[in-house]
């Protein structure tokens, strides 16, 4: 396996750091922390470059908040200058790993995404009798730092670049506790191993793909699953052979032990595709694609909140328009023409 060195000069190149700043501020240019950083942009970027060159760079503290929809999760937002560093790093190392990813892993990859994943899932579901659909239990809080670092070292040998990846991983803040035991553990092992990545980081999303890349190849090449889709920690195998999928589930559980991961005991199920399957906010049925009821309720609450904030002057017309256009584009991937007509026929935004 080829390992890549001499990457550091590319990571800390001023043009790369400048490009990283442009990427980090997309859609966020008018936020206070971004405006403050951009006020002395060249000085800030030069200081970042110097800190990286001298290895005195130290990530700042995370701003942490909790969301409860679609499920309760802790989100951690890194300071803006750290997000610039994350982009600078990923600009250089992401292409190295991208070449090793399978074609049916869709999260956080340029040219892939939710809608392409949905189309693939629908195609497989409608051409197969059975589906094994799984969800990894507490995926981001369970990612083991030692294992992740070893996976990065399979492709990277540049000491300085590995210093930065280690620095980012080691600075991960405390995540939801996961007290799973695996073969060979003693009582204290789950407390002694450092685990968890903050969901809000670009690097966390990228590292999460690397962490399951070997698993993807195991499913495709060892289990010989011709029809397989993964989006972050949600994945599905499709087949006309029930026994194949039942045996695959056992093999998958055994493989994931090596990554110190477990599939969710309730959400992971083997069933007939004719009953319909939930994926990325939609319910895929043999003859149509519906928006899941809970996603629709959540979207309607968001629309009502936007109406209030626009009326109070807290949202600009451009922000409202962008948000609605994004949601409409998402709905268009299902059979939702009547639904869209019903929602937007009564949707009115006014000031005061």
Protein backbone atom coordinates (compact mmCIF):
# COMPACT_ATOMS: atom_id res chain seq x y z
CA UNK A 1 0.00 0.00 0.00
CA UNK A 2 1.43 3.35 -1.05
CA UNK A 3 2.02 5.87 1.73
CA UNK A 4 2.34 9.59 1.05
CA UNK A 5 5.00 11.89 2.48
CA UNK A 6 6.23 15.46 1.84
CA UNK A 7 2.75 16.93 2.21
CA UNK A 8 3.45 19.57 4.84
CA UNK A 9 4.66 22.30 2.47
CA UNK A 10 1.35 21.99 0.60
CA UNK A 11 -0.72 22.11 3.80
CA UNK A 12 0.95 25.30 5.10
CA UNK A 13 1.28 27.01 1.73
CA UNK A 14 -0.21 30.49 2.09
CA UNK A 15 -2.39 30.09 -1.01
CA UNK A 16 -3.83 26.86 0.41
CA UNK A 17 -4.59 28.57 3.73
CA UNK A 18 -6.20 31.49 1.87
CA UNK A 19 -8.34 29.06 -0.12
CA UNK A 20 -9.26 27.31 3.13
CA UNK A 21 -10.49 30.61 4.55
CA UNK A 22 -12.72 31.14 1.50
CA UNK A 23 -14.15 27.64 1.94
CA UNK A 24 -14.69 28.01 5.70
CA UNK A 25 -16.70 31.23 5.32
CA UNK A 26 -19.13 30.06 2.62
CA UNK A 27 -22.61 30.97 3.77
CA UNK A 28 -21.18 32.53 6.94
CA UNK A 29 -19.47 35.72 5.74
CA UNK A 30 -21.61 38.06 7.82
CA UNK A 31 -21.26 36.26 11.12
CA UNK A 32 -19.44 38.19 13.81
CA UNK A 33 -16.51 35.81 14.26
CA UNK A 34 -15.91 35.67 10.50
CA UNK A 35 -16.10 39.46 10.11
CA UNK A 36 -13.63 39.90 12.97
CA UNK A 37 -11.21 37.39 11.42
CA UNK A 38 -11.53 38.94 7.95
CA UNK A 39 -10.91 42.48 9.26
CA UNK A 40 -7.20 41.64 9.45
CA UNK A 41 -7.37 38.63 7.13
CA UNK A 42 -3.78 38.50 5.87
CA UNK A 43 -2.38 38.99 9.37
CA UNK A 44 -4.61 36.25 10.77
CA UNK A 45 -3.65 33.82 8.00
CA UNK A 46 0.04 34.66 8.36
CA UNK A 47 -0.21 33.99 12.11
CA UNK A 48 -1.88 30.64 11.44
CA UNK A 49 0.84 29.75 8.94
CA UNK A 50 3.56 30.61 11.48
CA UNK A 51 1.89 28.60 14.24
CA UNK A 52 1.65 25.58 11.94
CA UNK A 53 5.24 25.93 10.74
CA UNK A 54 6.56 26.11 14.30
CA UNK A 55 4.08 23.52 15.60
CA UNK A 56 2.82 25.96 18.20
CA UNK A 57 -0.72 25.81 16.80
CA UNK A 58 -3.24 24.74 19.42
CA UNK A 59 -6.97 24.38 18.67
CA UNK A 60 -9.37 26.54 20.66
CA UNK A 61 -12.32 25.54 22.80
CA UNK A 62 -15.50 24.21 21.21
CA UNK A 63 -18.89 25.86 21.42
CA UNK A 64 -21.24 23.00 22.25
CA UNK A 65 -25.01 22.80 21.91
CA UNK A 66 -27.60 20.07 21.67
CA UNK A 67 -30.15 19.35 18.96
CA UNK A 68 -33.09 17.03 19.52
CA UNK A 69 -34.24 16.49 15.92
CA UNK A 70 -34.13 14.16 14.10
CA UNK A 71 -32.55 12.61 17.21
CA UNK A 72 -30.78 13.95 20.27
CA UNK A 73 -27.18 14.78 19.41
CA UNK A 74 -24.45 16.99 20.78
CA UNK A 75 -22.99 19.37 18.18
CA UNK A 76 -19.60 20.96 18.75
CA UNK A 77 -18.55 24.02 16.72
CA UNK A 78 -14.85 24.79 16.53
CA UNK A 79 -13.61 28.41 16.51
CA UNK A 80 -13.51 29.88 13.02
CA UNK A 81 -9.69 29.95 12.76
CA UNK A 82 -9.65 26.21 13.54
CA UNK A 83 -12.18 25.59 10.77
CA UNK A 84 -9.76 27.30 8.39
CA UNK A 85 -7.05 24.85 9.47
CA UNK A 86 -9.44 21.91 8.96
CA UNK A 87 -10.06 22.98 5.36
CA UNK A 88 -6.35 23.55 4.74
CA UNK A 89 -5.59 20.01 5.92
CA UNK A 90 -8.45 18.33 4.04
CA UNK A 91 -7.60 20.17 0.81
CA UNK A 92 -4.35 18.21 0.69
CA UNK A 93 -5.08 14.83 2.26
CA UNK A 94 -8.69 14.26 1.14
CA UNK A 95 -7.75 13.47 -2.50
CA UNK A 96 -5.34 10.78 -1.25
CA UNK A 97 -8.08 8.93 0.61
CA UNK A 98 -10.82 9.74 -1.90
CA UNK A 99 -9.18 7.37 -4.40
CA UNK A 100 -9.66 4.50 -1.97
CA UNK A 101 -13.37 5.07 -1.23
CA UNK A 102 -15.98 2.87 -2.89
CA UNK A 103 -18.54 4.35 -5.24
CA UNK A 104 -21.48 3.66 -2.94
CA UNK A 105 -20.31 5.67 0.08
CA UNK A 106 -22.11 8.98 -0.30
CA UNK A 107 -21.63 11.26 2.73
CA UNK A 108 -19.41 14.33 2.73
CA UNK A 109 -17.94 13.75 -0.73
CA UNK A 110 -17.88 16.15 -3.66
CA UNK A 111 -20.30 15.00 -6.34
CA UNK A 112 -22.06 12.46 -4.12
CA UNK A 113 -24.45 13.57 -1.34
CA UNK A 114 -27.94 12.73 -0.13
CA UNK A 115 -29.87 12.86 -3.39
CA UNK A 116 -27.50 10.61 -5.29
CA UNK A 117 -27.56 8.20 -2.33
CA UNK A 118 -31.37 8.25 -2.34
CA UNK A 119 -31.52 7.40 -6.06
CA UNK A 120 -29.13 4.49 -5.57
CA UNK A 121 -31.01 3.22 -2.53
CA UNK A 122 -34.32 3.41 -4.43
CA UNK A 123 -32.89 1.53 -7.42
CA UNK A 124 -31.57 -1.27 -5.21
CA UNK A 125 -34.77 -1.46 -3.12
CA UNK A 126 -37.00 -1.75 -6.18
CA UNK A 127 -34.87 -4.46 -7.77
CA UNK A 128 -34.45 -6.63 -4.65
CA UNK A 129 -36.78 -8.67 -2.48
CA UNK A 130 -35.00 -8.14 0.86
CA UNK A 131 -33.03 -5.44 2.62
CA UNK A 132 -30.66 -5.57 5.59
CA UNK A 133 -30.70 -2.01 6.92
CA UNK A 134 -28.36 -1.09 9.78
CA UNK A 135 -27.44 1.87 11.91
CA UNK A 136 -24.21 2.06 13.93
CA UNK A 137 -24.94 2.80 17.56
CA UNK A 138 -23.56 6.21 18.68
CA UNK A 139 -21.12 6.32 15.77
CA UNK A 140 -19.27 9.61 16.30
CA UNK A 141 -18.97 9.19 20.10
CA UNK A 142 -17.64 5.64 19.54
CA UNK A 143 -14.81 6.39 17.08
CA UNK A 144 -11.64 5.13 18.77
CA UNK A 145 -8.72 7.59 18.57
CA UNK A 146 -5.99 4.94 18.52
CA UNK A 147 -7.66 3.00 15.71
CA UNK A 148 -8.34 6.17 13.71
CA UNK A 149 -4.70 7.28 13.97
CA UNK A 150 -3.51 3.88 12.77
CA UNK A 151 -5.84 4.08 9.76
CA UNK A 152 -4.48 7.53 8.85
CA UNK A 153 -0.93 6.16 9.05
CA UNK A 154 -1.73 3.49 6.47
CA UNK A 155 -1.80 6.22 3.82
CA UNK A 156 0.21 9.07 5.35
CA UNK A 157 3.87 9.07 6.41
CA UNK A 158 4.47 12.84 6.52
CA UNK A 159 5.37 13.42 10.19
CA UNK A 160 4.27 17.05 10.26
CA UNK A 161 0.91 16.31 8.65
CA UNK A 162 0.35 13.45 11.10
CA UNK A 163 1.24 15.84 13.93
CA UNK A 164 -1.65 18.06 12.79
CA UNK A 165 -4.13 15.21 12.40
CA UNK A 166 -3.15 13.94 15.87
CA UNK A 167 -3.50 17.45 17.32
CA UNK A 168 -7.03 17.80 15.93
CA UNK A 169 -8.06 14.31 17.09
CA UNK A 170 -6.53 14.75 20.56
CA UNK A 171 -8.34 18.06 20.99
CA UNK A 172 -11.74 16.44 20.50
CA UNK A 173 -14.01 17.46 23.35
CA UNK A 174 -15.89 15.09 25.60
CA UNK A 175 -18.69 13.29 23.76
CA UNK A 176 -21.66 11.26 24.99
CA UNK A 177 -20.29 8.36 27.05
CA UNK A 178 -20.20 4.94 25.40
CA UNK A 179 -19.47 2.06 27.77
CA UNK A 180 -19.38 -0.87 25.36
CA UNK A 181 -17.08 -3.80 26.11
CA UNK A 182 -15.41 -5.96 23.47
CA UNK A 183 -13.52 -9.27 23.57
CA UNK A 184 -10.25 -8.88 25.49
CA UNK A 185 -11.42 -5.84 27.46
CA UNK A 186 -11.27 -5.67 31.19
CA UNK A 187 -13.76 -3.72 33.27
CA UNK A 188 -11.94 -0.37 32.85
CA UNK A 189 -10.95 -0.57 29.17
CA UNK A 190 -13.91 1.52 27.87
CA UNK A 191 -12.92 4.28 30.30
CA UNK A 192 -9.23 4.17 29.40
CA UNK A 193 -9.49 4.43 25.60
CA UNK A 194 -10.06 7.88 24.15
CA UNK A 195 -13.06 7.97 21.84
CA UNK A 196 -15.35 10.38 20.08
CA UNK A 197 -15.17 13.08 17.42
CA UNK A 198 -17.16 16.35 17.46
CA UNK A 199 -19.89 16.08 14.83
CA UNK A 200 -19.61 19.71 13.68
CA UNK A 201 -16.05 19.47 12.30
CA UNK A 202 -15.20 19.04 8.62
CA UNK A 203 -12.31 16.82 9.74
CA UNK A 204 -14.66 14.67 11.83
CA UNK A 205 -16.88 14.03 8.81
CA UNK A 206 -13.82 13.17 6.72
CA UNK A 207 -12.27 10.96 9.41
CA UNK A 208 -15.63 9.19 9.81
CA UNK A 209 -15.45 8.09 6.17
CA UNK A 210 -11.88 6.86 6.60
CA UNK A 211 -12.89 4.93 9.72
CA UNK A 212 -15.47 2.86 7.80
CA UNK A 213 -13.62 2.66 4.48
CA UNK A 214 -12.15 -0.76 5.25
CA UNK A 215 -15.61 -1.92 6.30
CA UNK A 216 -17.03 -0.78 2.94
CA UNK A 217 -14.42 -2.88 1.11
CA UNK A 218 -15.15 -5.84 3.41
CA UNK A 219 -18.85 -5.73 2.49
CA UNK A 220 -18.19 -5.34 -1.22
CA UNK A 221 -15.18 -7.62 -1.69
CA UNK A 222 -15.38 -10.24 1.07
CA UNK A 223 -19.14 -10.57 1.52
CA UNK A 224 -19.65 -9.98 -2.24
CA UNK A 225 -22.61 -7.68 -1.64
CA UNK A 226 -23.37 -6.32 -5.11
CA UNK A 227 -26.02 -3.93 -3.79
CA UNK A 228 -24.76 -1.84 -0.87
CA UNK A 229 -25.20 1.82 0.13
CA UNK A 230 -23.70 3.75 3.04
CA UNK A 231 -24.38 7.29 4.20
CA UNK A 232 -22.27 8.10 7.31
CA UNK A 233 -23.35 5.42 9.82
CA UNK A 234 -26.50 4.27 7.99
CA UNK A 235 -25.97 1.44 5.54
CA UNK A 236 -28.03 -1.15 3.69
CA UNK A 237 -27.45 -4.38 1.78
CA UNK A 238 -30.01 -5.67 -0.75
CA UNK A 239 -30.57 -9.17 -2.12
CA UNK A 240 -33.18 -11.70 -3.21
CA UNK A 241 -31.51 -14.19 -0.84
CA UNK A 242 -32.69 -13.94 2.79
CA UNK A 243 -30.03 -16.35 4.07
CA UNK A 244 -27.24 -14.33 2.45
CA UNK A 245 -28.34 -11.19 4.29
CA UNK A 246 -28.86 -13.03 7.59
CA UNK A 247 -25.32 -14.41 7.40
CA UNK A 248 -24.00 -11.01 6.31
CA UNK A 249 -25.40 -9.43 9.46
CA UNK A 250 -23.40 -11.83 11.65
CA UNK A 251 -20.23 -11.20 9.62
CA UNK A 252 -20.77 -7.44 9.82
CA UNK A 253 -21.18 -7.51 13.59
CA UNK A 254 -17.97 -9.54 13.90
CA UNK A 255 -16.04 -7.17 11.62
CA UNK A 256 -17.18 -4.07 13.48
CA UNK A 257 -15.78 -5.48 16.74
CA UNK A 258 -12.32 -4.71 15.31
CA UNK A 259 -13.36 -1.04 15.05
CA UNK A 260 -14.94 -1.13 18.52
CA UNK A 261 -18.36 -0.43 17.01
CA UNK A 262 -21.78 -2.05 17.37
CA UNK A 263 -24.86 -1.85 15.18
CA UNK A 264 -28.04 -0.58 16.79
CA UNK A 265 -29.96 -3.63 18.10
CA UNK A 266 -33.41 -2.16 17.29
CA UNK A 267 -32.83 -0.02 14.21
CA UNK A 268 -30.88 -2.74 12.37
CA UNK A 269 -33.38 -5.03 10.67
CA UNK A 270 -33.79 -7.55 7.84
CA UNK A 271 -37.14 -7.29 6.04
CA UNK A 272 -38.94 -7.35 2.69
CA UNK A 273 -38.53 -4.22 0.56
CA UNK A 274 -42.23 -4.29 -0.39
CA UNK A 275 -43.02 -2.98 3.10
CA UNK A 276 -41.02 0.20 2.43
CA UNK A 277 -37.78 1.47 3.97
CA UNK A 278 -36.81 4.81 5.54
CA UNK A 279 -33.70 6.53 4.23
CA UNK A 280 -32.48 10.14 4.45
CA UNK A 281 -35.85 11.59 5.40
CA UNK A 282 -37.90 9.68 2.81
CA UNK A 283 -39.88 6.45 2.84
CA UNK A 284 -39.08 4.39 -0.26
CA UNK A 285 -42.00 2.22 -1.36
CA UNK A 286 -42.23 -0.01 -4.46
CA UNK A 287 -44.32 2.55 -6.39
CA UNK A 288 -43.61 5.93 -4.77
CA UNK A 289 -41.35 7.93 -2.49
CA UNK A 290 -42.93 9.78 0.41
CA UNK A 291 -41.57 12.33 2.84
CA UNK A 292 -41.44 10.79 6.29
CA UNK A 293 -44.15 12.23 8.57
CA UNK A 294 -41.72 13.31 11.27
CA UNK A 295 -39.53 15.10 8.70
CA UNK A 296 -42.57 16.90 7.32
CA UNK A 297 -43.62 18.05 10.79
CA UNK A 298 -40.11 19.27 11.47
CA UNK A 299 -39.98 21.18 8.19
CA UNK A 300 -43.34 22.85 8.86
CA UNK A 301 -42.07 23.99 12.27
CA UNK A 302 -39.00 25.45 10.58
CA UNK A 303 -41.17 27.33 8.11
CA UNK A 304 -43.30 28.79 10.91
CA UNK A 305 -40.16 29.83 12.78
CA UNK A 306 -38.80 31.52 9.64
CA UNK A 307 -42.10 33.38 9.23
CA UNK A 308 -41.80 34.72 12.79
CA UNK A 309 -38.14 35.67 12.42
CA UNK A 310 -38.76 37.37 9.07
CA UNK A 311 -41.68 39.33 10.55
CA UNK A 312 -39.43 40.42 13.44
CA UNK A 313 -36.64 41.46 11.08
CA UNK A 314 -34.30 38.70 12.29
CA UNK A 315 -34.05 37.08 8.84
CA UNK A 316 -33.37 38.70 5.50
CA UNK A 317 -35.43 37.94 2.40
CA UNK A 318 -32.40 36.33 0.72
CA UNK A 319 -31.92 33.95 3.65
CA UNK A 320 -35.60 32.93 3.59
CA UNK A 321 -35.49 32.40 -0.18
CA UNK A 322 -32.34 30.27 -0.02
CA UNK A 323 -33.74 28.12 2.76
CA UNK A 324 -37.05 27.52 0.97
CA UNK A 325 -35.34 26.78 -2.35
CA UNK A 326 -33.09 24.25 -0.65
CA UNK A 327 -36.05 22.50 0.97
CA UNK A 328 -38.07 22.46 -2.27
CA UNK A 329 -35.09 20.95 -4.11
CA UNK A 330 -34.95 18.23 -1.47
CA UNK A 331 -38.70 17.52 -1.70
CA UNK A 332 -38.49 17.20 -5.48
CA UNK A 333 -36.62 13.92 -5.05
CA UNK A 334 -39.83 12.35 -3.76
CA UNK A 335 -43.35 12.13 -5.18
CA UNK A 336 -44.34 15.39 -3.53
CA UNK A 337 -45.98 17.66 -6.13
CA UNK A 338 -49.34 17.82 -4.32
CA UNK A 339 -47.63 18.19 -0.97
CA UNK A 340 -45.60 21.17 -2.20
CA UNK A 341 -48.73 22.81 -3.60
CA UNK A 342 -50.55 22.42 -0.28
CA UNK A 343 -47.69 23.82 1.78
CA UNK A 344 -46.80 26.81 -0.35
CA UNK A 345 -50.36 27.82 -1.25
CA UNK A 346 -50.82 29.23 2.25
CA UNK A 347 -47.20 30.28 2.93
CA UNK A 348 -46.97 34.05 3.42
CA UNK A 349 -43.97 36.05 4.63
CA UNK A 350 -44.60 39.66 5.75
CA UNK A 351 -42.95 42.23 7.97
CA UNK A 352 -44.52 43.50 11.18
